[in-house]
Amino acid sequence: MFKTTHLPIEVDVTNAESIKNVIEEAINKYKRPPTTIVNCAGITRDSFLLKMDDSDFDLVLNVNLKGTYLVMKHSVQRMIDYKIGGSIINISSITARMGNMGQCNYAPSKAAVETLSRVAAKEFARYGIRVNTVIPGFINTPMTQTVPDKVKDMVIGSIALRRFGEPEEVSDTIAFLASDKSSFITGASIEVSGGQQ
């Protein structure tokens, strides 16, 4: 029989109280706060800038950027309270570096996540907490499976390795950053993009 080592809990990353409650549930179960945080909540509401609904712009920034900020803020505070270090991995996107037509909300939100991570890395280092960013390129997920073949072919043409990545290639990078093998890495951004330009 296997011992349960995870605690699945639904959380609204745009709501500070929801985040605090999840952290406290984890503390109640494990007698300490989580020491590895992966901020991967992200949504899209694509539209061209001139047609973007303001509420869709705000929603994407609230989930992708403010959610990352709130989870870090409240998680790190409890790590400090317990005097334990840890690793935070924030997920950005290759579109943050390239821009992408129709994503005037998503691309900037993910670019801001990368910058926020660098700021947090400097602020949290004194507590033994590392903060890094993983920047996935186009990965084989349900979201990319809906992309038309013509668009996929165009994207693959811009990727040096000439293929989409696999989810495991992203999760292996996250696992590395969560581990002690990356103990001298903080404030870094690692692209998992197949060399996309």
N, C-alpha and C. Protein backbone atom coordinates (compact mmCIF):
# COMPACT_ATOMS: atom_id res chain seq x y z
N MET A 1 0.84 -1.18 0.00
CA MET A 1 0.00 0.00 0.00
C MET A 1 0.89 1.24 0.00
N PHE A 2 0.52 2.23 -0.81
CA PHE A 2 1.31 3.45 -0.94
C PHE A 2 0.82 4.53 0.01
N LYS A 3 1.76 5.25 0.55
CA LYS A 3 1.45 6.38 1.41
C LYS A 3 1.10 7.58 0.52
N THR A 4 0.04 8.30 0.87
CA THR A 4 -0.35 9.48 0.10
C THR A 4 0.65 10.59 0.35
N THR A 5 1.21 11.10 -0.74
CA THR A 5 2.21 12.16 -0.61
C THR A 5 1.78 13.45 -1.31
N HIS A 6 0.54 13.50 -1.70
CA HIS A 6 0.04 14.72 -2.34
C HIS A 6 -1.33 15.06 -1.77
N LEU A 7 -1.73 16.29 -2.00
CA LEU A 7 -2.99 16.78 -1.46
C LEU A 7 -3.69 17.60 -2.54
N PRO A 8 -4.58 16.97 -3.31
CA PRO A 8 -5.26 17.72 -4.36
C PRO A 8 -6.34 18.63 -3.76
N ILE A 9 -6.22 19.92 -4.04
CA ILE A 9 -7.17 20.91 -3.53
C ILE A 9 -7.44 21.92 -4.64
N GLU A 10 -8.70 22.26 -4.81
CA GLU A 10 -9.05 23.29 -5.78
C GLU A 10 -8.78 24.66 -5.17
N VAL A 11 -8.21 25.55 -5.98
CA VAL A 11 -7.88 26.89 -5.49
C VAL A 11 -8.18 27.91 -6.58
N ASP A 12 -8.66 29.07 -6.17
CA ASP A 12 -8.84 30.20 -7.07
C ASP A 12 -7.62 31.09 -6.90
N VAL A 13 -6.72 31.08 -7.87
CA VAL A 13 -5.46 31.82 -7.72
C VAL A 13 -5.64 33.32 -7.76
N THR A 14 -6.83 33.78 -8.10
CA THR A 14 -7.08 35.23 -8.10
C THR A 14 -7.62 35.71 -6.76
N ASN A 15 -7.78 34.78 -5.82
CA ASN A 15 -8.39 35.11 -4.53
C ASN A 15 -7.42 34.78 -3.40
N ALA A 16 -6.96 35.80 -2.69
CA ALA A 16 -5.96 35.62 -1.63
C ALA A 16 -6.47 34.68 -0.54
N GLU A 17 -7.73 34.79 -0.16
CA GLU A 17 -8.26 33.93 0.91
C GLU A 17 -8.27 32.47 0.48
N SER A 18 -8.61 32.21 -0.77
CA SER A 18 -8.59 30.85 -1.29
C SER A 18 -7.18 30.26 -1.21
N ILE A 19 -6.20 31.07 -1.58
CA ILE A 19 -4.79 30.63 -1.54
C ILE A 19 -4.35 30.37 -0.10
N LYS A 20 -4.66 31.29 0.80
CA LYS A 20 -4.29 31.11 2.21
C LYS A 20 -4.91 29.83 2.77
N ASN A 21 -6.16 29.56 2.43
CA ASN A 21 -6.84 28.36 2.92
C ASN A 21 -6.15 27.09 2.44
N VAL A 22 -5.73 27.08 1.18
CA VAL A 22 -5.04 25.91 0.64
C VAL A 22 -3.71 25.69 1.36
N ILE A 23 -2.99 26.76 1.59
CA ILE A 23 -1.71 26.65 2.28
C ILE A 23 -1.92 26.11 3.69
N GLU A 24 -2.93 26.61 4.37
CA GLU A 24 -3.20 26.13 5.73
C GLU A 24 -3.64 24.67 5.74
N GLU A 25 -4.41 24.24 4.71
CA GLU A 25 -4.78 22.83 4.61
C GLU A 25 -3.53 21.96 4.46
N ALA A 26 -2.59 22.42 3.66
CA ALA A 26 -1.33 21.68 3.48
C ALA A 26 -0.55 21.63 4.78
N ILE A 27 -0.50 22.74 5.49
CA ILE A 27 0.21 22.78 6.78
C ILE A 27 -0.45 21.83 7.77
N ASN A 28 -1.77 21.81 7.80
CA ASN A 28 -2.49 20.91 8.71
C ASN A 28 -2.18 19.45 8.41
N LYS A 29 -2.06 19.11 7.13
CA LYS A 29 -1.79 17.72 6.77
C LYS A 29 -0.33 17.34 6.96
N TYR A 30 0.60 18.23 6.56
CA TYR A 30 2.02 17.88 6.54
C TYR A 30 2.84 18.53 7.65
N LYS A 31 2.20 19.35 8.46
CA LYS A 31 2.85 20.02 9.60
C LYS A 31 3.90 21.04 9.18
N ARG A 32 3.83 21.46 7.94
CA ARG A 32 4.70 22.53 7.43
C ARG A 32 4.13 22.98 6.09
N PRO A 33 4.52 24.17 5.65
CA PRO A 33 4.03 24.63 4.34
C PRO A 33 4.76 23.90 3.20
N PRO A 34 4.19 23.93 2.02
CA PRO A 34 4.89 23.33 0.87
C PRO A 34 6.24 24.01 0.66
N THR A 35 7.22 23.23 0.25
CA THR A 35 8.55 23.79 -0.03
C THR A 35 8.84 23.85 -1.53
N THR A 36 7.96 23.29 -2.31
CA THR A 36 8.04 23.42 -3.77
C THR A 36 6.71 23.94 -4.26
N ILE A 37 6.76 25.05 -4.97
CA ILE A 37 5.56 25.67 -5.53
C ILE A 37 5.76 25.76 -7.04
N VAL A 38 4.80 25.27 -7.80
CA VAL A 38 4.83 25.42 -9.25
C VAL A 38 3.60 26.23 -9.65
N ASN A 39 3.83 27.45 -10.07
CA ASN A 39 2.74 28.32 -10.52
C ASN A 39 2.51 28.08 -12.00
N CYS A 40 1.50 27.27 -12.30
CA CYS A 40 1.24 26.96 -13.72
C CYS A 40 -0.18 27.29 -14.15
N ALA A 41 -0.96 27.92 -13.28
CA ALA A 41 -2.30 28.33 -13.69
C ALA A 41 -2.18 29.35 -14.81
N GLY A 42 -2.90 29.14 -15.87
CA GLY A 42 -2.85 30.08 -16.98
C GLY A 42 -4.04 29.90 -17.89
N ILE A 43 -4.54 31.01 -18.40
CA ILE A 43 -5.67 30.97 -19.31
C ILE A 43 -5.39 31.87 -20.51
N THR A 44 -6.14 31.67 -21.56
CA THR A 44 -6.10 32.56 -22.71
C THR A 44 -7.51 33.04 -23.03
N ARG A 45 -7.59 34.23 -23.53
CA ARG A 45 -8.82 34.79 -24.09
C ARG A 45 -8.36 35.61 -25.29
N ASP A 46 -8.09 34.92 -26.39
CA ASP A 46 -7.43 35.55 -27.53
C ASP A 46 -8.36 36.46 -28.33
N SER A 47 -7.78 37.57 -28.73
CA SER A 47 -8.47 38.52 -29.61
C SER A 47 -7.44 39.56 -30.04
N PHE A 48 -7.68 40.17 -31.18
CA PHE A 48 -6.79 41.26 -31.59
C PHE A 48 -6.97 42.45 -30.66
N LEU A 49 -5.92 43.21 -30.49
CA LEU A 49 -5.90 44.31 -29.53
C LEU A 49 -7.09 45.25 -29.70
N LEU A 50 -7.39 45.65 -30.91
CA LEU A 50 -8.48 46.60 -31.12
C LEU A 50 -9.86 45.99 -30.87
N LYS A 51 -9.93 44.66 -30.82
CA LYS A 51 -11.21 44.00 -30.57
C LYS A 51 -11.28 43.36 -29.18
N MET A 52 -10.20 43.44 -28.43
CA MET A 52 -10.15 42.80 -27.11
C MET A 52 -11.17 43.41 -26.17
N ASP A 53 -11.94 42.56 -25.53
CA ASP A 53 -12.86 43.01 -24.49
C ASP A 53 -12.04 43.29 -23.24
N ASP A 54 -12.25 44.44 -22.62
CA ASP A 54 -11.46 44.82 -21.44
C ASP A 54 -11.55 43.78 -20.34
N SER A 55 -12.70 43.16 -20.18
CA SER A 55 -12.85 42.16 -19.11
C SER A 55 -12.00 40.92 -19.41
N ASP A 56 -11.85 40.55 -20.68
CA ASP A 56 -10.97 39.42 -21.03
C ASP A 56 -9.51 39.77 -20.80
N PHE A 57 -9.14 41.01 -21.09
CA PHE A 57 -7.78 41.46 -20.82
C PHE A 57 -7.49 41.34 -19.33
N ASP A 58 -8.40 41.87 -18.51
CA ASP A 58 -8.21 41.84 -17.06
C ASP A 58 -8.19 40.43 -16.51
N LEU A 59 -9.08 39.56 -16.99
CA LEU A 59 -9.16 38.20 -16.49
C LEU A 59 -7.84 37.45 -16.71
N VAL A 60 -7.28 37.56 -17.91
CA VAL A 60 -6.03 36.86 -18.22
C VAL A 60 -4.90 37.38 -17.33
N LEU A 61 -4.80 38.68 -17.16
CA LEU A 61 -3.76 39.22 -16.28
C LEU A 61 -3.99 38.82 -14.83
N ASN A 62 -5.24 38.77 -14.40
CA ASN A 62 -5.52 38.39 -13.02
C ASN A 62 -5.13 36.94 -12.73
N VAL A 63 -5.43 36.04 -13.65
CA VAL A 63 -5.07 34.63 -13.43
C VAL A 63 -3.57 34.43 -13.62
N ASN A 64 -3.04 34.87 -14.75
CA ASN A 64 -1.66 34.53 -15.12
C ASN A 64 -0.61 35.28 -14.31
N LEU A 65 -0.82 36.56 -14.07
CA LEU A 65 0.17 37.37 -13.36
C LEU A 65 -0.18 37.55 -11.89
N LYS A 66 -1.36 38.08 -11.62
CA LYS A 66 -1.71 38.32 -10.22
C LYS A 66 -1.80 37.01 -9.45
N GLY A 67 -2.29 35.95 -10.10
CA GLY A 67 -2.34 34.65 -9.44
C GLY A 67 -0.96 34.17 -9.03
N THR A 68 0.02 34.34 -9.91
CA THR A 68 1.40 33.96 -9.59
C THR A 68 1.93 34.78 -8.42
N TYR A 69 1.67 36.07 -8.46
CA TYR A 69 2.08 36.98 -7.38
C TYR A 69 1.44 36.56 -6.05
N LEU A 70 0.14 36.32 -6.05
CA LEU A 70 -0.55 35.98 -4.79
C LEU A 70 -0.08 34.65 -4.22
N VAL A 71 0.09 33.65 -5.07
CA VAL A 71 0.55 32.35 -4.58
C VAL A 71 1.95 32.48 -3.98
N MET A 72 2.84 33.20 -4.67
CA MET A 72 4.19 33.40 -4.10
C MET A 72 4.12 34.15 -2.78
N LYS A 73 3.39 35.24 -2.77
CA LYS A 73 3.32 36.09 -1.57
C LYS A 73 2.90 35.29 -0.34
N HIS A 74 1.82 34.56 -0.46
CA HIS A 74 1.28 33.87 0.71
C HIS A 74 2.03 32.57 1.03
N SER A 75 2.55 31.88 0.02
CA SER A 75 3.35 30.68 0.27
C SER A 75 4.67 31.02 0.94
N VAL A 76 5.34 32.03 0.40
CA VAL A 76 6.64 32.40 0.94
C VAL A 76 6.51 32.92 2.37
N GLN A 77 5.46 33.66 2.65
CA GLN A 77 5.28 34.14 4.02
C GLN A 77 5.22 32.98 5.01
N ARG A 78 4.52 31.91 4.64
CA ARG A 78 4.44 30.75 5.55
C ARG A 78 5.77 29.99 5.59
N MET A 79 6.51 29.94 4.48
CA MET A 79 7.85 29.34 4.51
C MET A 79 8.74 30.10 5.48
N ILE A 80 8.67 31.42 5.43
CA ILE A 80 9.47 32.26 6.33
C ILE A 80 9.05 32.02 7.77
N ASP A 81 7.74 31.96 8.02
CA ASP A 81 7.23 31.71 9.37
C ASP A 81 7.79 30.41 9.94
N TYR A 82 7.93 29.40 9.09
CA TYR A 82 8.42 28.09 9.51
C TYR A 82 9.94 27.96 9.37
N LYS A 83 10.58 29.03 8.90
CA LYS A 83 12.04 29.04 8.72
C LYS A 83 12.54 27.89 7.85
N ILE A 84 11.85 27.68 6.73
CA ILE A 84 12.28 26.65 5.79
C ILE A 84 12.45 27.27 4.41
N GLY A 85 13.41 26.77 3.68
CA GLY A 85 13.63 27.24 2.31
C GLY A 85 12.78 26.47 1.34
N GLY A 86 13.01 26.72 0.08
CA GLY A 86 12.24 26.01 -0.93
C GLY A 86 12.56 26.48 -2.33
N SER A 87 11.75 26.02 -3.25
CA SER A 87 11.92 26.35 -4.66
C SER A 87 10.57 26.68 -5.27
N ILE A 88 10.53 27.81 -5.95
CA ILE A 88 9.32 28.22 -6.66
C ILE A 88 9.64 28.23 -8.15
N ILE A 89 8.79 27.57 -8.92
CA ILE A 89 8.95 27.53 -10.36
C ILE A 89 7.71 28.14 -10.98
N ASN A 90 7.90 29.24 -11.69
CA ASN A 90 6.79 29.92 -12.35
C ASN A 90 6.83 29.61 -13.84
N ILE A 91 5.66 29.34 -14.39
CA ILE A 91 5.58 28.96 -15.79
C ILE A 91 5.20 30.16 -16.64
N SER A 92 6.05 30.47 -17.60
CA SER A 92 5.81 31.55 -18.55
C SER A 92 5.40 30.92 -19.88
N SER A 93 5.81 31.49 -20.98
CA SER A 93 5.49 30.96 -22.31
C SER A 93 6.44 31.58 -23.33
N ILE A 94 6.73 30.82 -24.37
CA ILE A 94 7.58 31.34 -25.44
C ILE A 94 6.94 32.57 -26.09
N THR A 95 5.62 32.66 -26.05
CA THR A 95 4.95 33.82 -26.65
C THR A 95 5.30 35.11 -25.90
N ALA A 96 5.74 34.99 -24.67
CA ALA A 96 6.16 36.17 -23.91
C ALA A 96 7.39 36.81 -24.54
N ARG A 97 8.21 36.00 -25.17
CA ARG A 97 9.45 36.51 -25.78
C ARG A 97 9.26 36.87 -27.25
N MET A 98 8.32 36.24 -27.91
CA MET A 98 8.15 36.44 -29.34
C MET A 98 7.00 37.38 -29.67
N GLY A 99 6.05 37.50 -28.74
CA GLY A 99 4.81 38.17 -29.09
C GLY A 99 4.00 37.22 -29.95
N ASN A 100 2.72 37.40 -29.99
CA ASN A 100 1.88 36.52 -30.79
C ASN A 100 0.62 37.29 -31.15
N MET A 101 0.35 37.43 -32.42
CA MET A 101 -0.85 38.15 -32.83
C MET A 101 -2.08 37.54 -32.16
N GLY A 102 -2.95 38.41 -31.68
CA GLY A 102 -4.17 37.94 -31.04
C GLY A 102 -4.02 37.62 -29.57
N GLN A 103 -2.82 37.86 -29.02
CA GLN A 103 -2.60 37.57 -27.61
C GLN A 103 -2.04 38.79 -26.88
N CYS A 104 -2.72 39.92 -27.04
CA CYS A 104 -2.25 41.16 -26.40
C CYS A 104 -2.42 41.14 -24.89
N ASN A 105 -3.11 40.14 -24.37
CA ASN A 105 -3.23 39.96 -22.93
C ASN A 105 -2.33 38.82 -22.44
N TYR A 106 -2.36 37.68 -23.14
CA TYR A 106 -1.63 36.50 -22.70
C TYR A 106 -0.11 36.70 -22.74
N ALA A 107 0.42 37.12 -23.89
CA ALA A 107 1.87 37.28 -24.03
C ALA A 107 2.45 38.25 -23.00
N PRO A 108 1.87 39.44 -22.80
CA PRO A 108 2.41 40.33 -21.77
C PRO A 108 2.27 39.78 -20.36
N SER A 109 1.19 39.03 -20.11
CA SER A 109 1.02 38.47 -18.76
C SER A 109 2.14 37.48 -18.46
N LYS A 110 2.53 36.69 -19.45
CA LYS A 110 3.59 35.70 -19.25
C LYS A 110 4.97 36.35 -19.24
N ALA A 111 5.15 37.45 -19.97
CA ALA A 111 6.41 38.20 -19.89
C ALA A 111 6.57 38.78 -18.50
N ALA A 112 5.49 39.28 -17.94
CA ALA A 112 5.53 39.85 -16.60
C ALA A 112 5.82 38.78 -15.55
N VAL A 113 5.36 37.55 -15.77
CA VAL A 113 5.67 36.45 -14.85
C VAL A 113 7.18 36.23 -14.78
N GLU A 114 7.84 36.30 -15.93
CA GLU A 114 9.30 36.12 -15.96
C GLU A 114 10.00 37.23 -15.17
N THR A 115 9.58 38.45 -15.36
CA THR A 115 10.18 39.58 -14.63
C THR A 115 9.87 39.50 -13.15
N LEU A 116 8.64 39.17 -12.80
CA LEU A 116 8.25 39.01 -11.40
C LEU A 116 9.12 37.94 -10.73
N SER A 117 9.42 36.89 -11.45
CA SER A 117 10.26 35.81 -10.90
C SER A 117 11.67 36.31 -10.58
N ARG A 118 12.22 37.15 -11.46
CA ARG A 118 13.56 37.69 -11.20
C ARG A 118 13.56 38.58 -9.95
N VAL A 119 12.53 39.39 -9.82
CA VAL A 119 12.40 40.25 -8.62
C VAL A 119 12.29 39.38 -7.38
N ALA A 120 11.40 38.39 -7.43
CA ALA A 120 11.19 37.51 -6.28
C ALA A 120 12.46 36.74 -5.92
N ALA A 121 13.22 36.31 -6.93
CA ALA A 121 14.47 35.59 -6.67
C ALA A 121 15.41 36.43 -5.83
N LYS A 122 15.50 37.71 -6.14
CA LYS A 122 16.38 38.61 -5.37
C LYS A 122 15.84 38.84 -3.97
N GLU A 123 14.54 38.99 -3.84
CA GLU A 123 13.96 39.27 -2.53
C GLU A 123 13.94 38.06 -1.61
N PHE A 124 13.76 36.86 -2.17
CA PHE A 124 13.58 35.67 -1.34
C PHE A 124 14.86 34.88 -1.10
N ALA A 125 15.95 35.21 -1.79
CA ALA A 125 17.20 34.44 -1.65
C ALA A 125 17.67 34.40 -0.21
N ARG A 126 17.53 35.50 0.51
CA ARG A 126 18.02 35.54 1.91
C ARG A 126 17.27 34.57 2.82
N TYR A 127 16.12 34.08 2.36
CA TYR A 127 15.35 33.10 3.14
C TYR A 127 15.61 31.67 2.67
N GLY A 128 16.54 31.51 1.73
CA GLY A 128 16.81 30.17 1.21
C GLY A 128 15.75 29.68 0.24
N ILE A 129 15.06 30.63 -0.38
CA ILE A 129 14.00 30.28 -1.33
C ILE A 129 14.44 30.71 -2.73
N ARG A 130 14.51 29.74 -3.63
CA ARG A 130 14.90 30.01 -5.01
C ARG A 130 13.65 30.21 -5.87
N VAL A 131 13.75 31.09 -6.86
CA VAL A 131 12.64 31.33 -7.78
C VAL A 131 13.17 31.32 -9.21
N ASN A 132 12.60 30.47 -10.03
CA ASN A 132 13.01 30.36 -11.43
C ASN A 132 11.78 30.29 -12.33
N THR A 133 12.03 30.49 -13.61
CA THR A 133 10.95 30.46 -14.60
C THR A 133 11.24 29.41 -15.65
N VAL A 134 10.21 28.65 -16.00
CA VAL A 134 10.29 27.73 -17.13
C VAL A 134 9.45 28.33 -18.25
N ILE A 135 10.02 28.36 -19.44
CA ILE A 135 9.37 28.97 -20.59
C ILE A 135 9.12 27.90 -21.65
N PRO A 136 7.96 27.26 -21.58
CA PRO A 136 7.66 26.24 -22.59
C PRO A 136 7.40 26.87 -23.96
N GLY A 137 7.80 26.15 -24.98
CA GLY A 137 7.42 26.50 -26.34
C GLY A 137 6.11 25.81 -26.66
N PHE A 138 5.95 25.39 -27.90
CA PHE A 138 4.74 24.67 -28.29
C PHE A 138 4.87 23.22 -27.85
N ILE A 139 3.97 22.80 -26.99
CA ILE A 139 4.01 21.48 -26.38
C ILE A 139 2.75 20.72 -26.80
N ASN A 140 2.87 19.42 -27.02
CA ASN A 140 1.71 18.59 -27.36
C ASN A 140 0.77 18.49 -26.17
N THR A 141 -0.23 19.32 -26.16
CA THR A 141 -1.25 19.33 -25.10
C THR A 141 -2.62 19.44 -25.77
N PRO A 142 -3.68 19.23 -25.02
CA PRO A 142 -5.02 19.43 -25.60
C PRO A 142 -5.20 20.82 -26.22
N MET A 143 -4.55 21.84 -25.64
CA MET A 143 -4.68 23.19 -26.16
C MET A 143 -4.05 23.30 -27.56
N THR A 144 -2.88 22.70 -27.76
CA THR A 144 -2.22 22.82 -29.07
C THR A 144 -2.78 21.84 -30.09
N GLN A 145 -3.48 20.81 -29.64
CA GLN A 145 -4.06 19.85 -30.58
C GLN A 145 -5.19 20.46 -31.40
N THR A 146 -5.74 21.57 -30.94
CA THR A 146 -6.82 22.24 -31.69
C THR A 146 -6.28 23.20 -32.74
N VAL A 147 -4.98 23.42 -32.76
CA VAL A 147 -4.37 24.33 -33.74
C VAL A 147 -4.47 23.69 -35.13
N PRO A 148 -4.93 24.44 -36.13
CA PRO A 148 -5.02 23.89 -37.49
C PRO A 148 -3.66 23.41 -38.01
N ASP A 149 -3.68 22.35 -38.83
CA ASP A 149 -2.44 21.75 -39.34
C ASP A 149 -1.56 22.76 -40.07
N LYS A 150 -2.16 23.65 -40.83
CA LYS A 150 -1.39 24.65 -41.57
C LYS A 150 -0.60 25.53 -40.61
N VAL A 151 -1.22 25.90 -39.50
CA VAL A 151 -0.55 26.73 -38.49
C VAL A 151 0.52 25.91 -37.78
N LYS A 152 0.21 24.64 -37.46
CA LYS A 152 1.21 23.77 -36.83
C LYS A 152 2.46 23.65 -37.69
N ASP A 153 2.27 23.45 -38.99
CA ASP A 153 3.41 23.32 -39.90
C ASP A 153 4.25 24.59 -39.90
N MET A 154 3.59 25.74 -39.87
CA MET A 154 4.31 27.02 -39.84
C MET A 154 5.11 27.15 -38.54
N VAL A 155 4.49 26.76 -37.43
CA VAL A 155 5.17 26.84 -36.13
C VAL A 155 6.36 25.89 -36.11
N ILE A 156 6.15 24.66 -36.55
CA ILE A 156 7.24 23.67 -36.56
C ILE A 156 8.42 24.18 -37.40
N GLY A 157 8.13 24.92 -38.45
CA GLY A 157 9.19 25.50 -39.28
C GLY A 157 10.05 26.51 -38.53
N SER A 158 9.51 27.08 -37.44
CA SER A 158 10.28 28.06 -36.65
C SER A 158 11.00 27.42 -35.46
N ILE A 159 10.85 26.11 -35.30
CA ILE A 159 11.47 25.38 -34.19
C ILE A 159 12.70 24.63 -34.71
N ALA A 160 13.84 24.90 -34.12
CA ALA A 160 15.10 24.28 -34.59
C ALA A 160 15.01 22.76 -34.60
N LEU A 161 14.38 22.16 -33.59
CA LEU A 161 14.28 20.70 -33.53
C LEU A 161 13.14 20.14 -34.36
N ARG A 162 12.38 21.00 -35.02
CA ARG A 162 11.33 20.63 -35.98
C ARG A 162 10.24 19.71 -35.41
N ARG A 163 9.83 20.00 -34.19
CA ARG A 163 8.72 19.25 -33.59
C ARG A 163 8.19 20.02 -32.40
N PHE A 164 6.99 19.67 -31.97
CA PHE A 164 6.45 20.18 -30.71
C PHE A 164 7.11 19.40 -29.58
N GLY A 165 7.18 20.01 -28.42
CA GLY A 165 7.72 19.32 -27.26
C GLY A 165 6.68 18.41 -26.62
N GLU A 166 7.14 17.58 -25.72
CA GLU A 166 6.26 16.69 -24.97
C GLU A 166 6.11 17.21 -23.54
N PRO A 167 4.97 16.99 -22.92
CA PRO A 167 4.76 17.48 -21.55
C PRO A 167 5.86 17.04 -20.58
N GLU A 168 6.38 15.82 -20.77
CA GLU A 168 7.43 15.31 -19.88
C GLU A 168 8.71 16.13 -19.98
N GLU A 169 8.95 16.73 -21.12
CA GLU A 169 10.16 17.54 -21.28
C GLU A 169 10.06 18.82 -20.46
N VAL A 170 8.85 19.30 -20.27
CA VAL A 170 8.64 20.45 -19.40
C VAL A 170 8.68 20.01 -17.94
N SER A 171 7.97 18.92 -17.61
CA SER A 171 7.92 18.48 -16.21
C SER A 171 9.29 18.03 -15.70
N ASP A 172 10.12 17.46 -16.56
CA ASP A 172 11.48 17.09 -16.13
C ASP A 172 12.30 18.33 -15.78
N THR A 173 12.11 19.41 -16.52
CA THR A 173 12.81 20.66 -16.22
C THR A 173 12.33 21.23 -14.89
N ILE A 174 11.03 21.16 -14.67
CA ILE A 174 10.45 21.63 -13.40
C ILE A 174 11.00 20.80 -12.24
N ALA A 175 11.04 19.48 -12.42
CA ALA A 175 11.55 18.59 -11.36
C ALA A 175 13.01 18.92 -11.04
N PHE A 176 13.81 19.20 -12.06
CA PHE A 176 15.20 19.60 -11.85
C PHE A 176 15.27 20.87 -11.01
N LEU A 177 14.47 21.88 -11.37
CA LEU A 177 14.51 23.15 -10.63
C LEU A 177 13.97 23.00 -9.21
N ALA A 178 13.13 22.02 -8.98
CA ALA A 178 12.61 21.78 -7.63
C ALA A 178 13.62 21.02 -6.77
N SER A 179 14.57 20.37 -7.40
CA SER A 179 15.50 19.49 -6.68
C SER A 179 16.74 20.24 -6.20
N ASP A 180 17.49 19.56 -5.34
CA ASP A 180 18.76 20.10 -4.85
C ASP A 180 19.82 20.16 -5.95
N LYS A 181 19.60 19.47 -7.06
CA LYS A 181 20.56 19.52 -8.17
C LYS A 181 20.66 20.92 -8.76
N SER A 182 19.66 21.76 -8.48
CA SER A 182 19.68 23.14 -9.00
C SER A 182 19.87 24.14 -7.86
N SER A 183 20.55 23.72 -6.81
CA SER A 183 20.66 24.55 -5.60
C SER A 183 21.38 25.88 -5.80
N PHE A 184 22.11 26.04 -6.90
CA PHE A 184 22.80 27.31 -7.16
C PHE A 184 22.15 28.06 -8.33
N ILE A 185 20.90 27.73 -8.59
CA ILE A 185 20.17 28.39 -9.68
C ILE A 185 18.99 29.15 -9.09
N THR A 186 18.98 30.45 -9.27
CA THR A 186 17.82 31.27 -8.91
C THR A 186 17.78 32.49 -9.82
N GLY A 187 16.59 32.95 -10.10
CA GLY A 187 16.43 34.08 -11.01
C GLY A 187 16.64 33.72 -12.47
N ALA A 188 16.70 32.43 -12.75
CA ALA A 188 16.96 31.98 -14.12
C ALA A 188 15.66 31.72 -14.88
N SER A 189 15.77 31.80 -16.18
CA SER A 189 14.66 31.45 -17.07
C SER A 189 15.17 30.38 -18.03
N ILE A 190 14.49 29.25 -18.04
CA ILE A 190 14.92 28.14 -18.89
C ILE A 190 13.86 27.90 -19.96
N GLU A 191 14.27 28.06 -21.21
CA GLU A 191 13.37 27.79 -22.33
C GLU A 191 13.34 26.29 -22.60
N VAL A 192 12.14 25.76 -22.76
CA VAL A 192 11.95 24.39 -23.21
C VAL A 192 11.14 24.52 -24.50
N SER A 193 11.84 24.97 -25.53
CA SER A 193 11.14 25.40 -26.75
C SER A 193 11.66 24.75 -28.02
N GLY A 194 12.62 23.86 -27.89
CA GLY A 194 13.20 23.24 -29.08
C GLY A 194 13.98 24.22 -29.94
N GLY A 195 14.36 25.35 -29.35
CA GLY A 195 15.12 26.36 -30.09
C GLY A 195 14.24 27.20 -31.00
N GLN A 196 13.01 27.43 -30.57
CA GLN A 196 12.10 28.22 -31.40
C GLN A 196 12.56 29.66 -31.52
N GLN A 197 12.52 30.19 -32.73
CA GLN A 197 12.89 31.59 -33.00
C GLN A 197 11.73 32.33 -33.62
